[in-house]
Amino acid sequence: MSETRHLRLLPWNGPEGKPALLATDGAESWVNRLADKVEAEQIETATVLRDLALSMVVDHVDPPASELLFIARRLCESVTDLLKIAESRAARIPAYDHPDDQPSTE
């Protein structure tokens, strides 16, 4: 049996709205593949929303307040998703040795 090396923050919440974590040894699993797929869909959704919001601003369209509120809410949701993806991926990046952390050889 493999030793668990880390916890992966999943792109969805668990029971009671708490963060969902996957204990993993880094091996591919169906949960990892599902999480990767959900993250890709969240990134695509954010891209579409960004493009829509940009077209509202760049084209100087005067959209109704209800449309602006809708897009603002969706953008906030997407930013939240993207921050969770960034946090999850950052936690999976192995630490590196900084040259200043090396002992002196003098």
C-alpha atoms as a PDB file:
ATOM      1  CA  MET A   1       0.000   0.000   0.000  1.00  0.00           C
ATOM      2  CA  SER A   2       1.292   3.455  -0.956  1.00  0.00           C
ATOM      3  CA  GLU A   3       1.986   6.067   1.647  1.00  0.00           C
ATOM      4  CA  THR A   4      -0.196   9.181   1.447  1.00  0.00           C
ATOM      5  CA  ARG A   5       1.957  12.163   0.554  1.00  0.00           C
ATOM      6  CA  HIS A   6      -0.517  15.028   0.496  1.00  0.00           C
ATOM      7  CA  LEU A   7      -4.087  16.231   0.404  1.00  0.00           C
ATOM      8  CA  ARG A   8      -5.560  17.627  -2.799  1.00  0.00           C
ATOM      9  CA  LEU A   9      -8.080  20.435  -2.497  1.00  0.00           C
ATOM     10  CA  LEU A  10     -10.929  19.471  -4.815  1.00  0.00           C
ATOM     11  CA  PRO A  11     -12.815  22.029  -6.910  1.00  0.00           C
ATOM     12  CA  TRP A  12     -16.099  21.416  -5.111  1.00  0.00           C
ATOM     13  CA  ASN A  13     -17.254  21.618  -1.531  1.00  0.00           C
ATOM     14  CA  GLY A  14     -17.980  18.672   0.691  1.00  0.00           C
ATOM     15  CA  PRO A  15     -20.798  18.225   3.175  1.00  0.00           C
ATOM     16  CA  GLU A  16     -21.932  21.372   4.947  1.00  0.00           C
ATOM     17  CA  GLY A  17     -20.069  23.543   2.433  1.00  0.00           C
ATOM     18  CA  LYS A  18     -16.648  22.646   3.812  1.00  0.00           C
ATOM     19  CA  PRO A  19     -13.649  22.202   1.489  1.00  0.00           C
ATOM     20  CA  ALA A  20     -13.419  18.736  -0.049  1.00  0.00           C
ATOM     21  CA  LEU A  21     -10.006  17.100   0.192  1.00  0.00           C
ATOM     22  CA  LEU A  22      -8.603  13.963  -1.417  1.00  0.00           C
ATOM     23  CA  ALA A  23      -5.845  12.054   0.352  1.00  0.00           C
ATOM     24  CA  THR A  24      -3.530  10.982  -2.449  1.00  0.00           C
ATOM     25  CA  ASP A  25      -0.136   9.488  -3.061  1.00  0.00           C
ATOM     26  CA  GLY A  26       0.062  11.273  -6.408  1.00  0.00           C
ATOM     27  CA  ALA A  27      -1.161   8.299  -8.440  1.00  0.00           C
ATOM     28  CA  GLU A  28      -3.853   8.869 -11.056  1.00  0.00           C
ATOM     29  CA  SER A  29      -7.360   8.010  -9.916  1.00  0.00           C
ATOM     30  CA  TRP A  30     -10.870   8.593 -11.200  1.00  0.00           C
ATOM     31  CA  VAL A  31     -11.399  11.278  -8.533  1.00  0.00           C
ATOM     32  CA  ASN A  32      -8.246  13.096  -9.678  1.00  0.00           C
ATOM     33  CA  ARG A  33      -9.376  12.862 -13.309  1.00  0.00           C
ATOM     34  CA  LEU A  34     -12.849  14.136 -12.373  1.00  0.00           C
ATOM     35  CA  ALA A  35     -11.327  17.034 -10.423  1.00  0.00           C
ATOM     36  CA  ASP A  36      -9.095  17.892 -13.405  1.00  0.00           C
ATOM     37  CA  LYS A  37     -12.152  17.864 -15.693  1.00  0.00           C
ATOM     38  CA  VAL A  38     -14.181  20.085 -13.332  1.00  0.00           C
ATOM     39  CA  GLU A  39     -11.253  22.525 -13.049  1.00  0.00           C
ATOM     40  CA  ALA A  40     -10.967  22.694 -16.853  1.00  0.00           C
ATOM     41  CA  GLU A  41     -14.705  23.421 -17.124  1.00  0.00           C
ATOM     42  CA  GLN A  42     -14.455  26.132 -14.451  1.00  0.00           C
ATOM     43  CA  ILE A  43     -11.562  27.779 -16.301  1.00  0.00           C
ATOM     44  CA  GLU A  44     -13.517  27.661 -19.575  1.00  0.00           C
ATOM     45  CA  THR A  45     -16.567  29.180 -17.875  1.00  0.00           C
ATOM     46  CA  ALA A  46     -14.419  32.004 -16.482  1.00  0.00           C
ATOM     47  CA  THR A  47     -12.997  32.647 -19.955  1.00  0.00           C
ATOM     48  CA  VAL A  48     -16.479  32.886 -21.480  1.00  0.00           C
ATOM     49  CA  LEU A  49     -17.681  35.210 -18.707  1.00  0.00           C
ATOM     50  CA  ARG A  50     -14.611  37.409 -19.062  1.00  0.00           C
ATOM     51  CA  ASP A  51     -15.169  37.694 -22.800  1.00  0.00           C
ATOM     52  CA  LEU A  52     -18.822  38.579 -22.279  1.00  0.00           C
ATOM     53  CA  ALA A  53     -17.983  41.208 -19.660  1.00  0.00           C
ATOM     54  CA  LEU A  54     -15.251  42.681 -21.882  1.00  0.00           C
ATOM     55  CA  SER A  55     -17.648  42.972 -24.794  1.00  0.00           C
ATOM     56  CA  MET A  56     -20.059  44.880 -22.533  1.00  0.00           C
ATOM     57  CA  VAL A  57     -17.296  47.308 -21.547  1.00  0.00           C
ATOM     58  CA  VAL A  58     -15.340  47.605 -24.807  1.00  0.00           C
ATOM     59  CA  ASP A  59     -18.389  47.970 -27.050  1.00  0.00           C
ATOM     60  CA  HIS A  60     -19.653  50.718 -24.737  1.00  0.00           C
ATOM     61  CA  VAL A  61     -23.024  49.065 -24.713  1.00  0.00           C
ATOM     62  CA  ASP A  62     -25.386  50.474 -22.131  1.00  0.00           C
ATOM     63  CA  PRO A  63     -26.667  47.216 -20.657  1.00  0.00           C
ATOM     64  CA  PRO A  64     -29.483  47.228 -18.136  1.00  0.00           C
ATOM     65  CA  ALA A  65     -28.494  47.155 -14.476  1.00  0.00           C
ATOM     66  CA  SER A  66     -29.953  43.648 -14.179  1.00  0.00           C
ATOM     67  CA  GLU A  67     -27.507  42.368 -16.837  1.00  0.00           C
ATOM     68  CA  LEU A  68     -24.563  44.063 -15.141  1.00  0.00           C
ATOM     69  CA  LEU A  69     -25.572  42.584 -11.801  1.00  0.00           C
ATOM     70  CA  PHE A  70     -25.908  39.137 -13.377  1.00  0.00           C
ATOM     71  CA  ILE A  71     -22.465  39.259 -15.004  1.00  0.00           C
ATOM     72  CA  ALA A  72     -20.880  40.684 -11.834  1.00  0.00           C
ATOM     73  CA  ARG A  73     -22.284  37.818  -9.755  1.00  0.00           C
ATOM     74  CA  ARG A  74     -21.114  35.201 -12.268  1.00  0.00           C
ATOM     75  CA  LEU A  75     -17.651  36.790 -12.416  1.00  0.00           C
ATOM     76  CA  CYS A  76     -17.428  36.672  -8.598  1.00  0.00           C
ATOM     77  CA  GLU A  77     -18.375  32.983  -8.656  1.00  0.00           C
ATOM     78  CA  SER A  78     -15.760  32.297 -11.330  1.00  0.00           C
ATOM     79  CA  VAL A  79     -13.045  34.189  -9.455  1.00  0.00           C
ATOM     80  CA  THR A  80     -13.865  32.096  -6.369  1.00  0.00           C
ATOM     81  CA  ASP A  81     -13.528  28.904  -8.432  1.00  0.00           C
ATOM     82  CA  LEU A  82     -10.257  30.081  -9.982  1.00  0.00           C
ATOM     83  CA  LEU A  83      -8.785  30.980  -6.589  1.00  0.00           C
ATOM     84  CA  LYS A  84      -9.617  27.487  -5.327  1.00  0.00           C
ATOM     85  CA  ILE A  85      -7.947  25.975  -8.411  1.00  0.00           C
ATOM     86  CA  ALA A  86      -4.866  28.147  -7.858  1.00  0.00           C
ATOM     87  CA  GLU A  87      -4.696  27.167  -4.184  1.00  0.00           C
ATOM     88  CA  SER A  88      -5.025  23.486  -5.044  1.00  0.00           C
ATOM     89  CA  ARG A  89      -2.371  23.600  -7.740  1.00  0.00           C
ATOM     90  CA  ALA A  90       0.023  25.656  -5.652  1.00  0.00           C
ATOM     91  CA  ALA A  91      -0.207  23.085  -2.871  1.00  0.00           C
ATOM     92  CA  ARG A  92       0.819  20.363  -5.347  1.00  0.00           C
ATOM     93  CA  ILE A  93       3.934  22.176  -6.567  1.00  0.00           C
ATOM     94  CA  PRO A  94       6.960  20.689  -4.839  1.00  0.00           C
ATOM     95  CA  ALA A  95       8.992  23.072  -2.724  1.00  0.00           C
ATOM     96  CA  TYR A  96      12.330  24.114  -4.160  1.00  0.00           C
ATOM     97  CA  ASP A  97      15.553  24.998  -2.456  1.00  0.00           C
ATOM     98  CA  HIS A  98      16.316  28.689  -2.596  1.00  0.00           C
ATOM     99  CA  PRO A  99      20.029  29.480  -3.059  1.00  0.00           C
ATOM    100  CA  ASP A 100      19.959  31.646   0.082  1.00  0.00           C
ATOM    101  CA  ASP A 101      18.839  28.600   2.108  1.00  0.00           C
ATOM    102  CA  GLN A 102      21.988  26.607   1.270  1.00  0.00           C
ATOM    103  CA  PRO A 103      24.657  26.293   3.929  1.00  0.00           C
ATOM    104  CA  SER A 104      27.841  28.221   3.289  1.00  0.00           C
ATOM    105  CA  THR A 105      30.724  26.146   1.880  1.00  0.00           C
ATOM    106  CA  GLU A 106      33.380  28.581   3.042  1.00  0.00           C
END
